[in-house]
Amino acid sequence: MSKIIVEHNPSKDHLAALSVTKWPTWKKEVSVFPWVFPEQEIAYLLEGECIATLENGETVKFGKGDLVTFPAGLKIEWEVKQPLYKHYKLDGNALTQVFRRILLKIKG
């Protein structure tokens, strides 16, 4: 399985090319929780500091100003060390996203 890719302090031109400011946003308080990525997600962290622990025990740290790519199918445990506020973009459209989530529930 692919790994998490962290791009520290990407250029403004790169962020503009991705239209990051048009992506939806999401907030999360300090917490620890499991997560599965049904599709690839790209996130740009506006605030916060996090540690993602992969199933093999490897940890990946990222925080404010980082552009992070999570591959489809990845299972992690999130540890939000400082409150998280991010822009995010999911692969696919609303229909394919719902379909992937239903498949995850069925596979369980």
Protein backbone atom coordinates (compact mmCIF):
# COMPACT_ATOMS: atom_id res chain seq x y z
CA MET A 1 0.00 0.00 0.00
CA SER A 2 1.18 3.51 -0.71
CA LYS A 3 2.30 5.73 2.11
CA ILE A 4 1.25 9.14 3.32
CA ILE A 5 3.02 11.90 1.40
CA VAL A 6 3.78 15.10 3.32
CA GLU A 7 4.88 18.18 1.43
CA HIS A 8 6.15 20.72 3.96
CA ASN A 9 5.40 24.36 3.13
CA PRO A 10 4.35 23.96 -0.53
CA SER A 11 4.71 27.04 -2.71
CA LYS A 12 1.83 29.48 -3.12
CA ASP A 13 1.90 28.74 -6.85
CA HIS A 14 1.47 25.01 -6.20
CA LEU A 15 -1.45 25.64 -3.81
CA ALA A 16 -3.05 28.04 -6.31
CA ALA A 17 -2.70 25.46 -9.11
CA LEU A 18 -4.58 22.96 -6.92
CA SER A 19 -7.26 25.60 -6.07
CA VAL A 20 -6.84 24.73 -2.39
CA THR A 21 -8.79 27.77 -1.18
CA LYS A 22 -11.88 26.45 -3.01
CA TRP A 23 -11.79 23.09 -1.21
CA PRO A 24 -14.15 22.46 1.72
CA THR A 25 -12.80 22.75 5.26
CA TRP A 26 -12.95 20.48 8.30
CA LYS A 27 -12.15 21.00 11.98
CA LYS A 28 -11.33 18.52 14.73
CA GLU A 29 -10.54 19.02 18.39
CA VAL A 30 -7.63 17.37 20.19
CA SER A 31 -8.47 13.66 20.06
CA VAL A 32 -7.43 10.15 19.04
CA PHE A 33 -9.57 8.08 16.65
CA PRO A 34 -9.30 5.40 13.93
CA TRP A 35 -9.94 6.31 10.29
CA VAL A 36 -10.12 4.60 6.90
CA PHE A 37 -9.71 6.61 3.70
CA PRO A 38 -12.26 5.22 1.17
CA GLU A 39 -10.67 7.36 -1.55
CA GLN A 40 -7.51 9.39 -1.86
CA GLU A 41 -7.62 12.60 0.17
CA ILE A 42 -5.37 15.61 -0.20
CA ALA A 43 -5.38 17.98 2.76
CA TYR A 44 -3.80 21.38 3.37
CA LEU A 45 -3.47 22.13 7.07
CA LEU A 46 -4.33 25.68 8.05
CA GLU A 47 -3.93 24.95 11.77
CA GLY A 48 -2.98 22.06 13.97
CA GLU A 49 -0.49 19.30 14.56
CA CYS A 50 -1.19 15.61 14.01
CA ILE A 51 0.40 12.20 14.14
CA ALA A 52 -0.94 9.40 11.94
CA THR A 53 -0.09 5.85 13.00
CA LEU A 54 -0.28 3.28 10.22
CA GLU A 55 -1.27 -0.35 10.74
CA ASN A 56 2.41 -1.39 10.72
CA GLY A 57 3.14 1.03 13.60
CA GLU A 58 4.92 3.62 11.47
CA THR A 59 4.09 7.20 12.45
CA VAL A 60 3.87 10.25 10.21
CA LYS A 61 3.83 13.78 11.67
CA PHE A 62 2.37 16.80 9.92
CA GLY A 63 1.00 20.19 10.84
CA LYS A 64 0.20 23.75 9.89
CA GLY A 65 1.36 24.59 6.37
CA ASP A 66 1.71 20.98 5.21
CA LEU A 67 0.05 19.48 2.12
CA VAL A 68 -0.69 15.84 2.90
CA THR A 69 -1.84 13.06 0.56
CA PHE A 70 -3.54 10.00 2.05
CA PRO A 71 -3.94 7.08 -0.40
CA ALA A 72 -7.25 5.27 -0.90
CA GLY A 73 -7.70 2.29 1.41
CA LEU A 74 -5.29 3.58 4.06
CA LYS A 75 -6.18 2.75 7.68
CA ILE A 76 -4.67 4.95 10.37
CA GLU A 77 -5.12 6.13 13.90
CA TRP A 78 -5.29 9.92 14.05
CA GLU A 79 -3.76 11.70 17.02
CA VAL A 80 -4.74 15.35 16.83
CA LYS A 81 -2.18 17.03 19.12
CA GLN A 82 -3.34 20.61 18.45
CA PRO A 83 -6.80 21.48 17.08
CA LEU A 84 -6.97 20.72 13.37
CA TYR A 85 -8.39 22.99 10.68
CA LYS A 86 -7.82 21.91 7.09
CA HIS A 87 -8.89 22.25 3.50
CA TYR A 88 -9.44 18.85 1.89
CA LYS A 89 -10.18 17.31 -1.48
CA LEU A 90 -11.48 13.79 -2.03
CA ASP A 91 -11.03 11.86 -5.27
CA GLY A 92 -14.12 11.20 -7.33
CA ASN A 93 -17.56 12.77 -7.15
CA ALA A 94 -20.33 12.56 -4.56
CA LEU A 95 -21.78 9.39 -6.10
CA THR A 96 -18.50 7.47 -6.18
CA GLN A 97 -17.69 8.66 -2.64
CA VAL A 98 -21.01 7.32 -1.31
CA PHE A 99 -20.49 4.05 -3.18
CA ARG A 100 -17.01 3.57 -1.64
CA ARG A 101 -18.39 4.21 1.84
CA ILE A 102 -21.17 1.64 1.33
CA LEU A 103 -18.60 -0.91 0.17
CA LEU A 104 -16.52 -0.26 3.29
CA LYS A 105 -19.59 -0.87 5.50
CA ILE A 106 -20.40 -4.11 3.68
CA LYS A 107 -16.80 -5.36 3.92
CA GLY A 108 -16.90 -4.23 7.49
